[in-house]
Amino acid sequence: MNALLATVVVTGTLLALALAMARLLRGPSQADRVVALDVVFSASVAMAAAAALATGRVLFLDVAVGLAVVGFVAAIVWARLIDKSPEDPR
């Protein structure tokens, strides 16, 4: 049951990851890119948690927590950079 649940979670997060990467690369504004980066980190955390569920190794949960912290800090830093730089209208 855990392997099936992990497979479903990984499949959904891969779809979310693909869509977020497209928005990250094509995003018309910096705000779109920040949100896409946050989704990428969230999907990575979900995949690490699914790996922990499928394998039974707790180490993957440590990786998930580390990714969550890095994603949070990256989103805050990028948001501050956007706030200080003028946005070019398109």
Protein backbone atom coordinates (compact mmCIF):
# COMPACT_ATOMS: atom_id res chain seq x y z
CA MET A 1 0.00 0.00 0.00
CA ASN A 2 2.82 2.42 0.82
CA ALA A 3 4.47 1.79 -2.56
CA LEU A 4 1.21 2.47 -4.40
CA LEU A 5 0.65 5.69 -2.46
CA ALA A 6 4.22 6.78 -3.13
CA THR A 7 3.77 6.08 -6.85
CA VAL A 8 0.61 8.19 -6.98
CA VAL A 9 2.29 11.04 -5.09
CA VAL A 10 5.37 10.97 -7.31
CA THR A 11 3.24 10.93 -10.48
CA GLY A 12 1.26 13.96 -9.33
CA THR A 13 4.32 15.86 -8.22
CA LEU A 14 6.12 15.15 -11.50
CA LEU A 15 3.20 16.72 -13.34
CA ALA A 16 3.25 19.73 -11.02
CA LEU A 17 7.03 19.94 -11.38
CA ALA A 18 6.84 19.95 -15.19
CA LEU A 19 4.21 22.70 -15.23
CA ALA A 20 6.11 24.77 -12.67
CA MET A 21 9.38 24.45 -14.58
CA ALA A 22 7.63 25.69 -17.72
CA ARG A 23 6.34 28.71 -15.79
CA LEU A 24 9.76 29.25 -14.21
CA LEU A 25 11.43 29.41 -17.61
CA ARG A 26 8.68 31.31 -19.48
CA GLY A 27 7.13 33.40 -16.72
CA PRO A 28 6.32 36.87 -17.98
CA SER A 29 7.05 38.48 -14.62
CA GLN A 30 9.39 37.89 -11.73
CA ALA A 31 6.44 37.20 -9.43
CA ASP A 32 5.41 34.27 -11.66
CA ARG A 33 8.93 32.91 -11.40
CA VAL A 34 8.93 33.19 -7.60
CA VAL A 35 5.67 31.27 -7.33
CA ALA A 36 6.96 28.64 -9.77
CA LEU A 37 10.15 28.27 -7.74
CA ASP A 38 8.07 27.76 -4.62
CA VAL A 39 6.04 25.06 -6.38
CA VAL A 40 9.26 23.36 -7.53
CA PHE A 41 10.57 23.23 -3.98
CA SER A 42 7.21 22.02 -2.66
CA ALA A 43 7.14 19.24 -5.26
CA SER A 44 10.68 18.28 -4.31
CA VAL A 45 9.66 18.07 -0.66
CA ALA A 46 6.69 15.88 -1.60
CA MET A 47 8.92 13.59 -3.66
CA ALA A 48 11.40 13.24 -0.80
CA ALA A 49 8.53 12.40 1.56
CA ALA A 50 7.20 9.84 -0.93
CA ALA A 51 10.67 8.30 -1.14
CA ALA A 52 10.72 8.04 2.65
CA LEU A 53 7.32 6.39 2.56
CA ALA A 54 8.27 3.93 -0.18
CA THR A 55 11.66 2.91 1.22
CA GLY A 56 11.03 3.28 4.94
CA ARG A 57 14.20 5.34 5.39
CA VAL A 58 13.92 8.32 7.69
CA LEU A 59 16.88 10.02 6.00
CA PHE A 60 14.59 11.17 3.18
CA LEU A 61 12.51 13.12 5.71
CA ASP A 62 15.64 15.03 6.72
CA VAL A 63 16.20 15.82 3.06
CA ALA A 64 12.59 17.01 2.79
CA VAL A 65 13.00 19.35 5.77
CA GLY A 66 16.24 20.72 4.31
CA LEU A 67 14.59 21.34 0.94
CA ALA A 68 11.67 23.09 2.65
CA VAL A 69 14.02 25.43 4.51
CA VAL A 70 16.05 26.21 1.39
CA GLY A 71 12.87 26.82 -0.61
CA PHE A 72 11.50 29.16 2.05
CA VAL A 73 14.71 31.19 2.20
CA ALA A 74 14.96 31.32 -1.60
CA ALA A 75 11.40 32.61 -1.92
CA ILE A 76 11.99 35.29 0.72
CA VAL A 77 15.25 36.46 -0.87
CA TRP A 78 13.79 36.55 -4.36
CA ALA A 79 10.71 38.43 -3.14
CA ARG A 80 12.93 41.05 -1.52
CA LEU A 81 14.91 41.42 -4.74
CA ILE A 82 11.69 41.91 -6.70
CA ASP A 83 10.49 44.50 -4.21
CA LYS A 84 13.63 46.57 -4.68
CA SER A 85 13.93 46.32 -8.47
CA PRO A 86 11.57 48.06 -10.89
CA GLU A 87 9.39 45.72 -12.93
CA ASP A 88 9.49 46.25 -16.68
CA PRO A 89 5.94 46.19 -18.10
CA ARG A 90 5.21 43.76 -20.92
